[in-house]
Structures are given as C-alpha cells and as structure tokens.
PDB file of all heavy atoms in Angstrom:
ATOM      1  N   GLU A   1     116.763 117.487 106.402  1.00  0.00           N
ATOM      2  CA  GLU A   1     116.932 118.390 107.574  1.00  0.00           C
ATOM      3  C   GLU A   1     117.310 117.550 108.787  1.00  0.00           C
ATOM      4  O   GLU A   1     117.772 118.104 109.791  1.00  0.00           O
ATOM      5  CB  GLU A   1     115.711 119.197 107.832  1.00  0.00           C
ATOM      6  CG  GLU A   1     115.433 120.262 106.790  1.00  0.00           C
ATOM      7  CD  GLU A   1     114.145 120.912 106.959  1.00  0.00           C
ATOM      8  OE1 GLU A   1     113.465 120.622 107.975  1.00  0.00           O
ATOM      9  OE2 GLU A   1     113.805 121.797 106.162  1.00  0.00           O
ATOM     10  N   HIS A   2     117.080 116.247 108.797  1.00  0.00           N
ATOM     11  CA  HIS A   2     117.335 115.454 109.992  1.00  0.00           C
ATOM     12  C   HIS A   2     118.280 114.281 109.745  1.00  0.00           C
ATOM     13  O   HIS A   2     118.384 113.344 110.515  1.00  0.00           O
ATOM     14  CB  HIS A   2     115.992 114.836 110.493  1.00  0.00           C
ATOM     15  CG  HIS A   2     115.059 115.854 111.011  1.00  0.00           C
ATOM     16  ND1 HIS A   2     114.266 116.561 110.175  1.00  0.00           N
ATOM     17  CD2 HIS A   2     114.771 116.231 112.312  1.00  0.00           C
ATOM     18  CE1 HIS A   2     113.503 117.431 110.938  1.00  0.00           C
ATOM     19  NE2 HIS A   2     113.787 117.240 112.200  1.00  0.00           N
ATOM     20  N   LEU A   3     119.143 114.457 108.717  1.00  0.00           N
ATOM     21  CA  LEU A   3     120.117 113.390 108.453  1.00  0.00           C
ATOM     22  C   LEU A   3     121.110 113.053 109.555  1.00  0.00           C
ATOM     23  O   LEU A   3     121.591 112.045 109.768  1.00  0.00           O
ATOM     24  CB  LEU A   3     120.982 113.728 107.197  1.00  0.00           C
ATOM     25  CG  LEU A   3     120.216 113.625 105.802  1.00  0.00           C
ATOM     26  CD1 LEU A   3     121.073 114.180 104.738  1.00  0.00           C
ATOM     27  CD2 LEU A   3     119.804 112.224 105.526  1.00  0.00           C
ATOM     28  N   HIS A   4     121.316 114.090 110.417  1.00  0.00           N
ATOM     29  CA  HIS A   4     122.287 114.050 111.510  1.00  0.00           C
ATOM     30  C   HIS A   4     121.727 113.113 112.619  1.00  0.00           C
ATOM     31  O   HIS A   4     122.488 112.652 113.469  1.00  0.00           O
ATOM     32  CB  HIS A   4     122.646 115.422 112.122  1.00  0.00           C
ATOM     33  CG  HIS A   4     121.362 116.062 112.640  1.00  0.00           C
ATOM     34  ND1 HIS A   4     120.427 116.705 111.808  1.00  0.00           N
ATOM     35  CD2 HIS A   4     120.891 116.174 113.869  1.00  0.00           C
ATOM     36  CE1 HIS A   4     119.480 117.188 112.634  1.00  0.00           C
ATOM     37  NE2 HIS A   4     119.725 116.826 113.872  1.00  0.00           N
ATOM     38  N   ASP A   5     120.460 112.889 112.653  1.00  0.00           N
ATOM     39  CA  ASP A   5     119.772 112.174 113.700  1.00  0.00           C
ATOM     40  C   ASP A   5     119.991 110.649 113.425  1.00  0.00           C
ATOM     41  O   ASP A   5     119.322 110.086 112.566  1.00  0.00           O
ATOM     42  CB  ASP A   5     118.264 112.556 113.792  1.00  0.00           C
ATOM     43  CG  ASP A   5     117.574 111.881 114.931  1.00  0.00           C
ATOM     44  OD1 ASP A   5     118.162 111.076 115.636  1.00  0.00           O
ATOM     45  OD2 ASP A   5     116.363 112.219 115.191  1.00  0.00           O
ATOM     46  N   PRO A   6     120.691 109.897 114.378  1.00  0.00           N
ATOM     47  CA  PRO A   6     120.807 108.486 114.154  1.00  0.00           C
ATOM     48  C   PRO A   6     119.483 107.684 114.319  1.00  0.00           C
ATOM     49  O   PRO A   6     119.365 106.527 113.933  1.00  0.00           O
ATOM     50  CB  PRO A   6     121.867 108.092 115.183  1.00  0.00           C
ATOM     51  CG  PRO A   6     121.795 109.116 116.262  1.00  0.00           C
ATOM     52  CD  PRO A   6     121.443 110.347 115.477  1.00  0.00           C
ATOM     53  N   HIS A   7     118.536 108.354 114.900  1.00  0.00           N
ATOM     54  CA  HIS A   7     117.216 107.785 115.215  1.00  0.00           C
ATOM     55  C   HIS A   7     116.183 108.037 114.076  1.00  0.00           C
ATOM     56  O   HIS A   7     115.002 107.854 114.254  1.00  0.00           O
ATOM     57  CB  HIS A   7     116.688 108.095 116.522  1.00  0.00           C
ATOM     58  CG  HIS A   7     117.604 107.776 117.660  1.00  0.00           C
ATOM     59  ND1 HIS A   7     117.894 106.484 118.101  1.00  0.00           N
ATOM     60  CD2 HIS A   7     118.303 108.631 118.499  1.00  0.00           C
ATOM     61  CE1 HIS A   7     118.812 106.515 119.114  1.00  0.00           C
ATOM     62  NE2 HIS A   7     119.022 107.825 119.339  1.00  0.00           N
ATOM     63  N   LEU A   8     116.690 108.550 112.990  1.00  0.00           N
ATOM     64  CA  LEU A   8     115.835 108.815 111.792  1.00  0.00           C
ATOM     65  C   LEU A   8     115.449 107.536 111.188  1.00  0.00           C
ATOM     66  O   LEU A   8     116.234 106.882 110.388  1.00  0.00           O
ATOM     67  CB  LEU A   8     116.520 109.688 110.816  1.00  0.00           C
ATOM     68  CG  LEU A   8     115.647 110.278 109.677  1.00  0.00           C
ATOM     69  CD1 LEU A   8     114.544 111.137 110.112  1.00  0.00           C
ATOM     70  CD2 LEU A   8     116.630 110.992 108.624  1.00  0.00           C
ATOM     71  N   THR A   9     114.267 107.006 111.461  1.00  0.00           N
ATOM     72  CA  THR A   9     113.759 105.708 110.985  1.00  0.00           C
ATOM     73  C   THR A   9     112.483 105.852 110.244  1.00  0.00           C
ATOM     74  O   THR A   9     111.814 106.948 110.307  1.00  0.00           O
ATOM     75  CB  THR A   9     113.575 104.703 112.093  1.00  0.00           C
ATOM     76  OG1 THR A   9     112.547 105.249 112.949  1.00  0.00           O
ATOM     77  CG2 THR A   9     114.901 104.529 112.943  1.00  0.00           C
ATOM     78  N   PRO A  10     112.089 104.926 109.381  1.00  0.00           N
ATOM     79  CA  PRO A  10     110.769 105.094 108.695  1.00  0.00           C
ATOM     80  C   PRO A  10     109.621 105.244 109.734  1.00  0.00           C
ATOM     81  O   PRO A  10     108.704 105.985 109.463  1.00  0.00           O
ATOM     82  CB  PRO A  10     110.673 103.700 108.012  1.00  0.00           C
ATOM     83  CG  PRO A  10     112.083 103.377 107.710  1.00  0.00           C
ATOM     84  CD  PRO A  10     112.877 103.789 108.870  1.00  0.00           C
ATOM     85  N   THR A  11     109.717 104.543 110.854  1.00  0.00           N
ATOM     86  CA  THR A  11     108.632 104.736 111.853  1.00  0.00           C
ATOM     87  C   THR A  11     108.548 106.184 112.289  1.00  0.00           C
ATOM     88  O   THR A  11     107.499 106.710 112.490  1.00  0.00           O
ATOM     89  CB  THR A  11     108.898 103.736 112.988  1.00  0.00           C
ATOM     90  OG1 THR A  11     108.835 102.432 112.523  1.00  0.00           O
ATOM     91  CG2 THR A  11     107.807 103.921 114.092  1.00  0.00           C
ATOM     92  N   ALA A  12     109.730 106.774 112.648  1.00  0.00           N
ATOM     93  CA  ALA A  12     109.763 108.124 113.128  1.00  0.00           C
ATOM     94  C   ALA A  12     109.268 109.126 112.047  1.00  0.00           C
ATOM     95  O   ALA A  12     108.615 110.065 112.288  1.00  0.00           O
ATOM     96  CB  ALA A  12     111.167 108.561 113.633  1.00  0.00           C
ATOM     97  N   ILE A  13     109.709 108.846 110.803  1.00  0.00           N
ATOM     98  CA  ILE A  13     109.311 109.783 109.710  1.00  0.00           C
ATOM     99  C   ILE A  13     107.773 109.741 109.510  1.00  0.00           C
ATOM    100  O   ILE A  13     107.124 110.700 109.361  1.00  0.00           O
ATOM    101  CB  ILE A  13     110.035 109.387 108.454  1.00  0.00           C
ATOM    102  CG1 ILE A  13     111.550 109.663 108.583  1.00  0.00           C
ATOM    103  CG2 ILE A  13     109.508 110.208 107.212  1.00  0.00           C
ATOM    104  CD1 ILE A  13     112.364 109.011 107.519  1.00  0.00           C
ATOM    105  N   ALA A  14     107.204 108.510 109.490  1.00  0.00           N
ATOM    106  CA  ALA A  14     105.848 108.353 109.338  1.00  0.00           C
ATOM    107  C   ALA A  14     105.018 109.074 110.409  1.00  0.00           C
ATOM    108  O   ALA A  14     104.002 109.770 110.150  1.00  0.00           O
ATOM    109  CB  ALA A  14     105.433 106.900 109.287  1.00  0.00           C
ATOM    110  N   ALA A  15     105.480 108.923 111.709  1.00  0.00           N
ATOM    111  CA  ALA A  15     104.777 109.537 112.770  1.00  0.00           C
ATOM    112  C   ALA A  15     104.872 111.041 112.663  1.00  0.00           C
ATOM    113  O   ALA A  15     103.819 111.695 112.989  1.00  0.00           O
ATOM    114  CB  ALA A  15     105.463 109.118 114.099  1.00  0.00           C
ATOM    115  N   ALA A  16     105.984 111.586 112.213  1.00  0.00           N
ATOM    116  CA  ALA A  16     106.102 113.038 112.042  1.00  0.00           C
ATOM    117  C   ALA A  16     105.171 113.617 111.055  1.00  0.00           C
ATOM    118  O   ALA A  16     104.822 114.819 111.105  1.00  0.00           O
ATOM    119  CB  ALA A  16     107.592 113.369 111.783  1.00  0.00           C
ATOM    120  N   HIS A  17     104.679 112.746 110.086  1.00  0.00           N
ATOM    121  CA  HIS A  17     103.872 113.197 109.020  1.00  0.00           C
ATOM    122  C   HIS A  17     102.458 112.618 109.150  1.00  0.00           C
ATOM    123  O   HIS A  17     101.611 112.771 108.183  1.00  0.00           O
ATOM    124  CB  HIS A  17     104.513 112.874 107.649  1.00  0.00           C
ATOM    125  CG  HIS A  17     105.766 113.649 107.367  1.00  0.00           C
ATOM    126  ND1 HIS A  17     106.957 113.318 107.795  1.00  0.00           N
ATOM    127  CD2 HIS A  17     105.870 114.811 106.660  1.00  0.00           C
ATOM    128  CE1 HIS A  17     107.857 114.188 107.433  1.00  0.00           C
ATOM    129  NE2 HIS A  17     107.261 115.124 106.775  1.00  0.00           N
ATOM    130  N   HIS A  18     102.140 111.985 110.332  1.00  0.00           N
ATOM    131  CA  HIS A  18     100.850 111.507 110.588  1.00  0.00           C
ATOM    132  C   HIS A  18     100.308 110.541 109.538  1.00  0.00           C
ATOM    133  O   HIS A  18      99.125 110.662 109.110  1.00  0.00           O
ATOM    134  CB  HIS A  18      99.883 112.706 110.761  1.00  0.00           C
ATOM    135  CG  HIS A  18     100.396 113.768 111.732  1.00  0.00           C
ATOM    136  ND1 HIS A  18     100.526 113.576 113.045  1.00  0.00           N
ATOM    137  CD2 HIS A  18     100.795 114.981 111.492  1.00  0.00           C
ATOM    138  CE1 HIS A  18     100.951 114.704 113.662  1.00  0.00           C
ATOM    139  NE2 HIS A  18     101.193 115.499 112.680  1.00  0.00           N
ATOM    140  N   ILE A  19     101.176 109.656 109.071  1.00  0.00           N
ATOM    141  CA  ILE A  19     100.794 108.664 108.140  1.00  0.00           C
ATOM    142  C   ILE A  19     101.337 107.352 108.651  1.00  0.00           C
ATOM    143  O   ILE A  19     102.156 107.289 109.591  1.00  0.00           O
ATOM    144  CB  ILE A  19     101.353 108.898 106.714  1.00  0.00           C
ATOM    145  CG1 ILE A  19     102.908 108.962 106.769  1.00  0.00           C
ATOM    146  CG2 ILE A  19     100.744 110.180 106.149  1.00  0.00           C
ATOM    147  CD1 ILE A  19     103.508 109.077 105.434  1.00  0.00           C
ATOM    148  N   SER A  20     100.784 106.240 108.127  1.00  0.00           N
ATOM    149  CA  SER A  20     101.273 104.867 108.522  1.00  0.00           C
ATOM    150  C   SER A  20     102.593 104.590 107.910  1.00  0.00           C
ATOM    151  O   SER A  20     102.930 105.120 106.801  1.00  0.00           O
ATOM    152  CB  SER A  20     100.226 103.799 108.191  1.00  0.00           C
ATOM    153  OG  SER A  20     100.144 103.685 106.738  1.00  0.00           O
ATOM    154  N   THR A  21     103.402 103.700 108.445  1.00  0.00           N
ATOM    155  CA  THR A  21     104.612 103.274 107.999  1.00  0.00           C
ATOM    156  C   THR A  21     104.406 102.610 106.587  1.00  0.00           C
ATOM    157  O   THR A  21     105.289 102.818 105.632  1.00  0.00           O
ATOM    158  CB  THR A  21     105.478 102.381 108.895  1.00  0.00           C
ATOM    159  OG1 THR A  21     105.553 102.997 110.171  1.00  0.00           O
ATOM    160  CG2 THR A  21     106.752 102.056 108.393  1.00  0.00           C
ATOM    161  N   SER A  22     103.427 101.851 106.473  1.00  0.00           N
ATOM    162  CA  SER A  22     103.245 101.131 105.182  1.00  0.00           C
ATOM    163  C   SER A  22     102.917 102.138 104.058  1.00  0.00           C
ATOM    164  O   SER A  22     103.311 101.920 102.904  1.00  0.00           O
ATOM    165  CB  SER A  22     102.037 100.140 105.354  1.00  0.00           C
ATOM    166  OG  SER A  22     100.865 100.800 105.749  1.00  0.00           O
ATOM    167  N   TYR A  23     102.176 103.191 104.426  1.00  0.00           N
ATOM    168  CA  TYR A  23     101.879 104.240 103.370  1.00  0.00           C
ATOM    169  C   TYR A  23     103.147 104.959 103.039  1.00  0.00           C
ATOM    170  O   TYR A  23     103.345 105.336 101.819  1.00  0.00           O
ATOM    171  CB  TYR A  23     100.855 105.250 103.859  1.00  0.00           C
ATOM    172  CG  TYR A  23     100.379 106.231 102.854  1.00  0.00           C
ATOM    173  CD1 TYR A  23      99.878 105.855 101.622  1.00  0.00           C
ATOM    174  CD2 TYR A  23     100.575 107.628 103.023  1.00  0.00           C
ATOM    175  CE1 TYR A  23      99.520 106.786 100.598  1.00  0.00           C
ATOM    176  CE2 TYR A  23     100.261 108.505 102.021  1.00  0.00           C
ATOM    177  CZ  TYR A  23      99.674 108.102 100.883  1.00  0.00           C
ATOM    178  OH  TYR A  23      99.301 108.969  99.905  1.00  0.00           O
ATOM    179  N   LEU A  24     104.002 105.234 103.980  1.00  0.00           N
ATOM    180  CA  LEU A  24     105.326 105.842 103.718  1.00  0.00           C
ATOM    181  C   LEU A  24     106.104 104.983 102.623  1.00  0.00           C
ATOM    182  O   LEU A  24     106.676 105.537 101.708  1.00  0.00           O
ATOM    183  CB  LEU A  24     106.109 106.015 104.983  1.00  0.00           C
ATOM    184  CG  LEU A  24     107.517 106.505 104.840  1.00  0.00           C
ATOM    185  CD1 LEU A  24     107.544 107.998 104.303  1.00  0.00           C
ATOM    186  CD2 LEU A  24     108.279 106.436 106.167  1.00  0.00           C
ATOM    187  N   HIS A  25     106.093 103.737 102.916  1.00  0.00           N
ATOM    188  CA  HIS A  25     106.860 102.791 101.984  1.00  0.00           C
ATOM    189  C   HIS A  25     106.236 102.884 100.592  1.00  0.00           C
ATOM    190  O   HIS A  25     107.020 102.768  99.627  1.00  0.00           O
ATOM    191  CB  HIS A  25     106.887 101.378 102.560  1.00  0.00           C
ATOM    192  CG  HIS A  25     107.824 101.257 103.710  1.00  0.00           C
ATOM    193  ND1 HIS A  25     109.171 101.545 103.636  1.00  0.00           N
ATOM    194  CD2 HIS A  25     107.580 100.821 105.068  1.00  0.00           C
ATOM    195  CE1 HIS A  25     109.776 101.273 104.793  1.00  0.00           C
ATOM    196  NE2 HIS A  25     108.813 100.869 105.627  1.00  0.00           N
ATOM    197  N   ARG A  26     104.925 102.883 100.507  1.00  0.00           N
ATOM    198  CA  ARG A  26     104.263 102.974  99.221  1.00  0.00           C
ATOM    199  C   ARG A  26     104.634 104.302  98.470  1.00  0.00           C
ATOM    200  O   ARG A  26     104.858 104.301  97.269  1.00  0.00           O
ATOM    201  CB  ARG A  26     102.768 102.887  99.387  1.00  0.00           C
ATOM    202  CG  ARG A  26     102.214 101.505  99.747  1.00  0.00           C
ATOM    203  CD  ARG A  26     100.868 101.342  99.394  1.00  0.00           C
ATOM    204  NE  ARG A  26      99.921 102.263 100.106  1.00  0.00           N
ATOM    205  CZ  ARG A  26      99.393 102.053 101.302  1.00  0.00           C
ATOM    206  NH1 ARG A  26      99.744 100.955 101.975  1.00  0.00           N
ATOM    207  NH2 ARG A  26      98.653 103.023 101.868  1.00  0.00           N
ATOM    208  N   LEU A  27     104.774 105.403  99.224  1.00  0.00           N
ATOM    209  CA  LEU A  27     105.199 106.657  98.597  1.00  0.00           C
ATOM    210  C   LEU A  27     106.520 106.537  97.910  1.00  0.00           C
ATOM    211  O   LEU A  27     106.823 107.209  96.923  1.00  0.00           O
ATOM    212  CB  LEU A  27     105.228 107.828  99.608  1.00  0.00           C
ATOM    213  CG  LEU A  27     103.867 108.305 100.170  1.00  0.00           C
ATOM    214  CD1 LEU A  27     104.041 109.303 101.287  1.00  0.00           C
ATOM    215  CD2 LEU A  27     103.027 108.847  99.063  1.00  0.00           C
ATOM    216  N   PHE A  28     107.452 105.735  98.461  1.00  0.00           N
ATOM    217  CA  PHE A  28     108.809 105.661  98.011  1.00  0.00           C
ATOM    218  C   PHE A  28     109.008 104.622  96.863  1.00  0.00           C
ATOM    219  O   PHE A  28     110.085 104.388  96.378  1.00  0.00           O
ATOM    220  CB  PHE A  28     109.788 105.427  99.114  1.00  0.00           C
ATOM    221  CG  PHE A  28     110.230 106.693  99.777  1.00  0.00           C
ATOM    222  CD1 PHE A  28     109.401 107.446 100.598  1.00  0.00           C
ATOM    223  CD2 PHE A  28     111.536 107.216  99.546  1.00  0.00           C
ATOM    224  CE1 PHE A  28     109.843 108.606 101.247  1.00  0.00           C
ATOM    225  CE2 PHE A  28     111.953 108.349 100.151  1.00  0.00           C
ATOM    226  CZ  PHE A  28     111.066 109.108 100.941  1.00  0.00           C
ATOM    227  N   ARG A  29     107.900 103.987  96.507  1.00  0.00           N
ATOM    228  CA  ARG A  29     108.067 102.887  95.454  1.00  0.00           C
ATOM    229  C   ARG A  29     108.516 103.589  94.119  1.00  0.00           C
ATOM    230  O   ARG A  29     109.225 102.900  93.319  1.00  0.00           O
ATOM    231  CB  ARG A  29     106.671 102.271  95.248  1.00  0.00           C
ATOM    232  CG  ARG A  29     106.387 101.258  96.324  1.00  0.00           C
ATOM    233  CD  ARG A  29     105.042 100.607  96.065  1.00  0.00           C
ATOM    234  NE  ARG A  29     104.666  99.722  97.136  1.00  0.00           N
ATOM    235  CZ  ARG A  29     103.465  99.147  97.357  1.00  0.00           C
ATOM    236  NH1 ARG A  29     102.512  99.508  96.433  1.00  0.00           N
ATOM    237  NH2 ARG A  29     103.281  98.319  98.322  1.00  0.00           N
ATOM    238  N   ASP A  30     108.216 104.877  93.874  1.00  0.00           N
ATOM    239  CA  ASP A  30     108.563 105.470  92.593  1.00  0.00           C
ATOM    240  C   ASP A  30     109.967 106.214  92.732  1.00  0.00           C
ATOM    241  O   ASP A  30     110.401 106.832  91.757  1.00  0.00           O
ATOM    242  CB  ASP A  30     107.545 106.518  92.223  1.00  0.00           C
ATOM    243  CG  ASP A  30     106.237 105.931  91.886  1.00  0.00           C
ATOM    244  OD1 ASP A  30     106.201 104.747  91.453  1.00  0.00           O
ATOM    245  OD2 ASP A  30     105.212 106.594  92.094  1.00  0.00           O
ATOM    246  N   GLU A  31     110.670 106.029  93.884  1.00  0.00           N
ATOM    247  CA  GLU A  31     111.959 106.690  94.077  1.00  0.00           C
ATOM    248  C   GLU A  31     113.135 105.801  93.800  1.00  0.00           C
ATOM    249  O   GLU A  31     114.257 106.225  94.109  1.00  0.00           O
ATOM    250  CB  GLU A  31     112.004 107.245  95.477  1.00  0.00           C
ATOM    251  CG  GLU A  31     110.936 108.180  95.958  1.00  0.00           C
ATOM    252  CD  GLU A  31     110.870 109.360  94.928  1.00  0.00           C
ATOM    253  OE1 GLU A  31     111.911 109.951  94.674  1.00  0.00           O
ATOM    254  OE2 GLU A  31     109.678 109.672  94.534  1.00  0.00           O
ATOM    255  N   ASP A  32     112.844 104.610  93.296  1.00  0.00           N
ATOM    256  CA  ASP A  32     113.965 103.616  93.024  1.00  0.00           C
ATOM    257  C   ASP A  32     114.761 103.427  94.177  1.00  0.00           C
ATOM    258  O   ASP A  32     116.012 103.127  94.165  1.00  0.00           O
ATOM    259  CB  ASP A  32     114.866 104.272  91.909  1.00  0.00           C
ATOM    260  CG  ASP A  32     115.817 103.171  91.322  1.00  0.00           C
ATOM    261  OD1 ASP A  32     115.405 101.974  91.347  1.00  0.00           O
ATOM    262  OD2 ASP A  32     116.950 103.508  90.831  1.00  0.00           O
ATOM    263  N   ALA A  33     114.175 103.388  95.364  1.00  0.00           N
ATOM    264  CA  ALA A  33     114.904 103.069  96.666  1.00  0.00           C
ATOM    265  C   ALA A  33     113.881 102.983  97.769  1.00  0.00           C
ATOM    266  O   ALA A  33     112.821 103.665  97.778  1.00  0.00           O
ATOM    267  CB  ALA A  33     115.850 104.215  97.022  1.00  0.00           C
ATOM    268  N   THR A  34     114.192 102.142  98.732  1.00  0.00           N
ATOM    269  CA  THR A  34     113.312 102.078  99.996  1.00  0.00           C
ATOM    270  C   THR A  34     113.596 103.357 100.697  1.00  0.00           C
ATOM    271  O   THR A  34     114.619 104.030 100.469  1.00  0.00           O
ATOM    272  CB  THR A  34     113.650 100.828 100.717  1.00  0.00           C
ATOM    273  OG1 THR A  34     115.046 100.879 101.247  1.00  0.00           O
ATOM    274  CG2 THR A  34     113.505  99.574  99.954  1.00  0.00           C
ATOM    275  N   VAL A  35     112.797 103.535 101.770  1.00  0.00           N
ATOM    276  CA  VAL A  35     113.056 104.717 102.607  1.00  0.00           C
ATOM    277  C   VAL A  35     114.483 104.651 103.282  1.00  0.00           C
ATOM    278  O   VAL A  35     115.132 105.644 103.216  1.00  0.00           O
ATOM    279  CB  VAL A  35     111.963 104.777 103.716  1.00  0.00           C
ATOM    280  CG1 VAL A  35     112.141 106.049 104.601  1.00  0.00           C
ATOM    281  CG2 VAL A  35     110.566 104.830 103.156  1.00  0.00           C
ATOM    282  N   ALA A  36     114.773 103.589 103.782  1.00  0.00           N
ATOM    283  CA  ALA A  36     116.064 103.372 104.393  1.00  0.00           C
ATOM    284  C   ALA A  36     117.187 103.583 103.475  1.00  0.00           C
ATOM    285  O   ALA A  36     118.283 104.243 103.793  1.00  0.00           O
ATOM    286  CB  ALA A  36     116.223 101.988 105.067  1.00  0.00           C
ATOM    287  N   GLU A  37     117.087 103.081 102.212  1.00  0.00           N
ATOM    288  CA  GLU A  37     118.093 103.287 101.231  1.00  0.00           C
ATOM    289  C   GLU A  37     118.219 104.693 100.854  1.00  0.00           C
ATOM    290  O   GLU A  37     119.384 105.223 100.594  1.00  0.00           O
ATOM    291  CB  GLU A  37     117.842 102.420 100.004  1.00  0.00           C
ATOM    292  CG  GLU A  37     117.967 100.936 100.161  1.00  0.00           C
ATOM    293  CD  GLU A  37     117.413 100.086  98.986  1.00  0.00           C
ATOM    294  OE1 GLU A  37     116.645 100.701  98.182  1.00  0.00           O
ATOM    295  OE2 GLU A  37     117.688  98.942  98.939  1.00  0.00           O
ATOM    296  N   TRP A  38     117.069 105.403 100.735  1.00  0.00           N
ATOM    297  CA  TRP A  38     117.091 106.798 100.293  1.00  0.00           C
ATOM    298  C   TRP A  38     117.822 107.675 101.384  1.00  0.00           C
ATOM    299  O   TRP A  38     118.593 108.576 101.064  1.00  0.00           O
ATOM    300  CB  TRP A  38     115.647 107.311 100.159  1.00  0.00           C
ATOM    301  CG  TRP A  38     115.554 108.500  99.319  1.00  0.00           C
ATOM    302  CD1 TRP A  38     115.322 108.561  97.917  1.00  0.00           C
ATOM    303  CD2 TRP A  38     115.557 109.972  99.680  1.00  0.00           C
ATOM    304  NE1 TRP A  38     115.300 109.842  97.469  1.00  0.00           N
ATOM    305  CE2 TRP A  38     115.453 110.705  98.537  1.00  0.00           C
ATOM    306  CE3 TRP A  38     115.758 110.546 100.954  1.00  0.00           C
ATOM    307  CZ2 TRP A  38     115.448 112.098  98.518  1.00  0.00           C
ATOM    308  CZ3 TRP A  38     115.783 111.979 100.963  1.00  0.00           C
ATOM    309  CH2 TRP A  38     115.647 112.712  99.796  1.00  0.00           C
ATOM    310  N   ILE A  39     117.516 107.374 102.664  1.00  0.00           N
ATOM    311  CA  ILE A  39     118.243 108.015 103.803  1.00  0.00           C
ATOM    312  C   ILE A  39     119.759 107.770 103.673  1.00  0.00           C
ATOM    313  O   ILE A  39     120.594 108.700 103.848  1.00  0.00           O
ATOM    314  CB  ILE A  39     117.666 107.543 105.159  1.00  0.00           C
ATOM    315  CG1 ILE A  39     116.246 108.011 105.321  1.00  0.00           C
ATOM    316  CG2 ILE A  39     118.538 108.128 106.351  1.00  0.00           C
ATOM    317  CD1 ILE A  39     115.577 107.390 106.579  1.00  0.00           C
ATOM    318  N   ARG A  40     120.099 106.505 103.529  1.00  0.00           N
ATOM    319  CA  ARG A  40     121.578 106.118 103.490  1.00  0.00           C
ATOM    320  C   ARG A  40     122.219 106.845 102.301  1.00  0.00           C
ATOM    321  O   ARG A  40     123.365 107.326 102.473  1.00  0.00           O
ATOM    322  CB  ARG A  40     121.675 104.607 103.351  1.00  0.00           C
ATOM    323  CG  ARG A  40     123.154 104.146 103.482  1.00  0.00           C
ATOM    324  CD  ARG A  40     123.269 102.632 103.670  1.00  0.00           C
ATOM    325  NE  ARG A  40     122.664 101.917 102.563  1.00  0.00           N
ATOM    326  CZ  ARG A  40     121.527 101.289 102.688  1.00  0.00           C
ATOM    327  NH1 ARG A  40     120.831 101.213 103.867  1.00  0.00           N
ATOM    328  NH2 ARG A  40     120.977 100.568 101.683  1.00  0.00           N
ATOM    329  N   ARG A  41     121.676 106.913 101.164  1.00  0.00           N
ATOM    330  CA  ARG A  41     122.249 107.586 100.007  1.00  0.00           C
ATOM    331  C   ARG A  41     122.503 109.070 100.344  1.00  0.00           C
ATOM    332  O   ARG A  41     123.593 109.541 100.054  1.00  0.00           O
ATOM    333  CB  ARG A  41     121.380 107.470  98.809  1.00  0.00           C
ATOM    334  CG  ARG A  41     121.345 106.075  98.159  1.00  0.00           C
ATOM    335  CD  ARG A  41     120.380 106.085  96.989  1.00  0.00           C
ATOM    336  NE  ARG A  41     120.197 104.693  96.458  1.00  0.00           N
ATOM    337  CZ  ARG A  41     119.327 104.428  95.560  1.00  0.00           C
ATOM    338  NH1 ARG A  41     118.673 105.373  94.893  1.00  0.00           N
ATOM    339  NH2 ARG A  41     119.239 103.154  95.054  1.00  0.00           N
TER     340      ARG A  41
END
C-alpha cells in the first residue's frame, strides 16, 4: 500500500508496526529476501 513512498524504509515499517527493526529483519528471513529486497521486487 506504500510502495509509492520513497521514504518506505525498514525503520519506518518497523515503527508503523511497533516492533524493532531487528525483529522486522528476523520476520523476513523466511521470505528469501531482505526487507529492502522485498520492497524493491
């Protein structure tokens, strides 16, 4: 829903969901891509 936002970063995503950035990165370990790679794809 926020792909158009050039400021969509892992830090911003983590803050919007009230979790730490490190926990966000752990969630994406099973997605075969880092958070930044998933956004870029």
